[in-house]
């Protein structure tokens, strides 16, 4: 039996920009991606702590060290620059494997630098 469990979490990052007229996605600094074990194209759930919005999208790589967190396309309407979001990804695995699996959790300072 396969179950879906938490794979990665990037906790309380600050949205640095929105780009409405862009093909939809979430742009993340590659350092943030690495810290949370996320890859380009990976499906993620984005939770906005400021307004309660939740949306699914995918990741595109942003410039390493830029601290960019940008919602693109229609997703840009779900948040404002400065909002605090959580980026979550899940993985499917066998039940016994899932019992032993440890997710990658990354935490940041208010300026999106890694703790």
Protein backbone atom coordinates (compact mmCIF):
# COMPACT_ATOMS: atom_id res chain seq x y z
CA UNK A 1 0.00 0.00 0.00
CA UNK A 2 1.27 3.46 -0.92
CA UNK A 3 0.63 6.42 1.34
CA UNK A 4 1.40 10.10 0.85
CA UNK A 5 3.57 11.75 3.50
CA UNK A 6 5.44 15.00 4.08
CA UNK A 7 8.68 15.04 2.05
CA UNK A 8 9.84 18.65 2.35
CA UNK A 9 8.86 21.84 4.12
CA UNK A 10 10.20 25.36 3.73
CA UNK A 11 8.75 27.14 6.76
CA UNK A 12 7.73 30.79 6.99
CA UNK A 13 9.54 32.28 4.00
CA UNK A 14 8.69 35.85 3.05
CA UNK A 15 7.24 36.48 -0.40
CA UNK A 16 9.64 38.89 -2.11
CA UNK A 17 7.71 39.47 -5.33
CA UNK A 18 4.73 38.52 -7.47
CA UNK A 19 4.64 38.38 -11.27
CA UNK A 20 1.07 38.18 -12.57
CA UNK A 21 2.04 38.20 -16.27
CA UNK A 22 4.26 35.12 -16.16
CA UNK A 23 3.66 31.45 -16.78
CA UNK A 24 2.51 30.15 -13.37
CA UNK A 25 4.87 28.73 -10.78
CA UNK A 26 6.78 29.51 -7.62
CA UNK A 27 10.31 30.84 -8.08
CA UNK A 28 12.65 29.94 -5.21
CA UNK A 29 16.29 30.76 -4.48
CA UNK A 30 18.28 27.58 -5.17
CA UNK A 31 19.75 27.74 -1.65
CA UNK A 32 16.23 27.52 -0.22
CA UNK A 33 15.43 24.67 -2.59
CA UNK A 34 18.54 22.73 -1.53
CA UNK A 35 17.86 23.27 2.17
CA UNK A 36 14.36 21.82 1.85
CA UNK A 37 15.34 19.08 -0.64
CA UNK A 38 13.14 20.52 -3.40
CA UNK A 39 13.81 20.34 -7.14
CA UNK A 40 12.77 22.35 -10.16
CA UNK A 41 9.41 21.21 -11.50
CA UNK A 42 8.37 19.59 -8.22
CA UNK A 43 4.71 19.98 -7.30
CA UNK A 44 4.22 21.92 -4.07
CA UNK A 45 1.46 23.13 -1.81
CA UNK A 46 1.81 26.81 -0.88
CA UNK A 47 0.09 27.96 2.31
CA UNK A 48 -0.23 31.71 2.94
CA UNK A 49 -0.10 32.45 6.68
CA UNK A 50 -1.40 35.99 6.15
CA UNK A 51 -4.69 35.21 4.42
CA UNK A 52 -5.19 31.43 4.67
CA UNK A 53 -4.97 30.83 0.90
CA UNK A 54 -3.70 27.42 -0.20
CA UNK A 55 -2.66 26.58 -3.75
CA UNK A 56 -0.77 23.96 -5.70
CA UNK A 57 1.90 24.88 -8.20
CA UNK A 58 5.42 23.83 -9.17
CA UNK A 59 8.89 25.17 -8.50
CA UNK A 60 11.25 26.95 -10.84
CA UNK A 61 14.82 27.73 -9.83
CA UNK A 62 15.67 31.28 -8.86
CA UNK A 63 19.13 32.78 -8.66
CA UNK A 64 21.22 31.16 -5.93
CA UNK A 65 21.70 33.51 -2.99
CA UNK A 66 19.02 35.95 -4.14
CA UNK A 67 16.55 34.95 -1.39
CA UNK A 68 13.80 35.21 -4.02
CA UNK A 69 10.38 33.79 -3.25
CA UNK A 70 8.03 34.78 -6.08
CA UNK A 71 4.52 33.65 -6.97
CA UNK A 72 3.97 33.80 -10.72
CA UNK A 73 0.90 33.84 -12.94
CA UNK A 74 -2.56 33.41 -11.44
CA UNK A 75 -1.01 32.40 -8.11
CA UNK A 76 0.24 35.99 -7.78
CA UNK A 77 -3.35 37.00 -6.98
CA UNK A 78 -3.29 34.79 -3.86
CA UNK A 79 -0.64 36.76 -1.95
CA UNK A 80 1.07 40.09 -1.50
CA UNK A 81 4.76 40.89 -1.26
CA UNK A 82 5.73 40.51 2.39
CA UNK A 83 3.27 37.69 3.11
CA UNK A 84 4.68 34.72 5.00
CA UNK A 85 4.21 31.38 3.25
CA UNK A 86 4.98 27.72 3.84
CA UNK A 87 6.07 25.55 0.90
CA UNK A 88 5.27 21.85 1.31
CA UNK A 89 5.88 18.81 -0.87
CA UNK A 90 4.70 15.26 -0.37
CA UNK A 91 5.95 11.87 -1.53
CA UNK A 92 4.28 8.52 -2.05
CA UNK A 93 5.94 5.50 -0.51
CA UNK A 94 5.22 2.12 0.91
CA UNK A 95 3.74 2.16 4.40
CA UNK A 96 6.74 0.52 6.10
CA UNK A 97 9.21 2.79 4.31
CA UNK A 98 7.15 5.82 5.34
CA UNK A 99 7.45 4.87 9.01
CA UNK A 100 11.23 5.34 8.78
CA UNK A 101 11.32 8.32 6.44
CA UNK A 102 12.49 11.69 7.79
CA UNK A 103 11.29 14.77 5.89
CA UNK A 104 13.57 17.70 5.03
CA UNK A 105 12.57 20.77 7.03
CA UNK A 106 14.12 24.20 6.43
CA UNK A 107 13.61 27.32 8.51
CA UNK A 108 14.53 30.92 7.68
CA UNK A 109 15.09 34.28 9.31
CA UNK A 110 12.75 37.18 8.42
CA UNK A 111 15.03 38.04 5.47
CA UNK A 112 14.79 34.49 3.98
CA UNK A 113 18.32 33.55 5.05
CA UNK A 114 18.59 30.00 6.33
CA UNK A 115 18.78 29.33 10.05
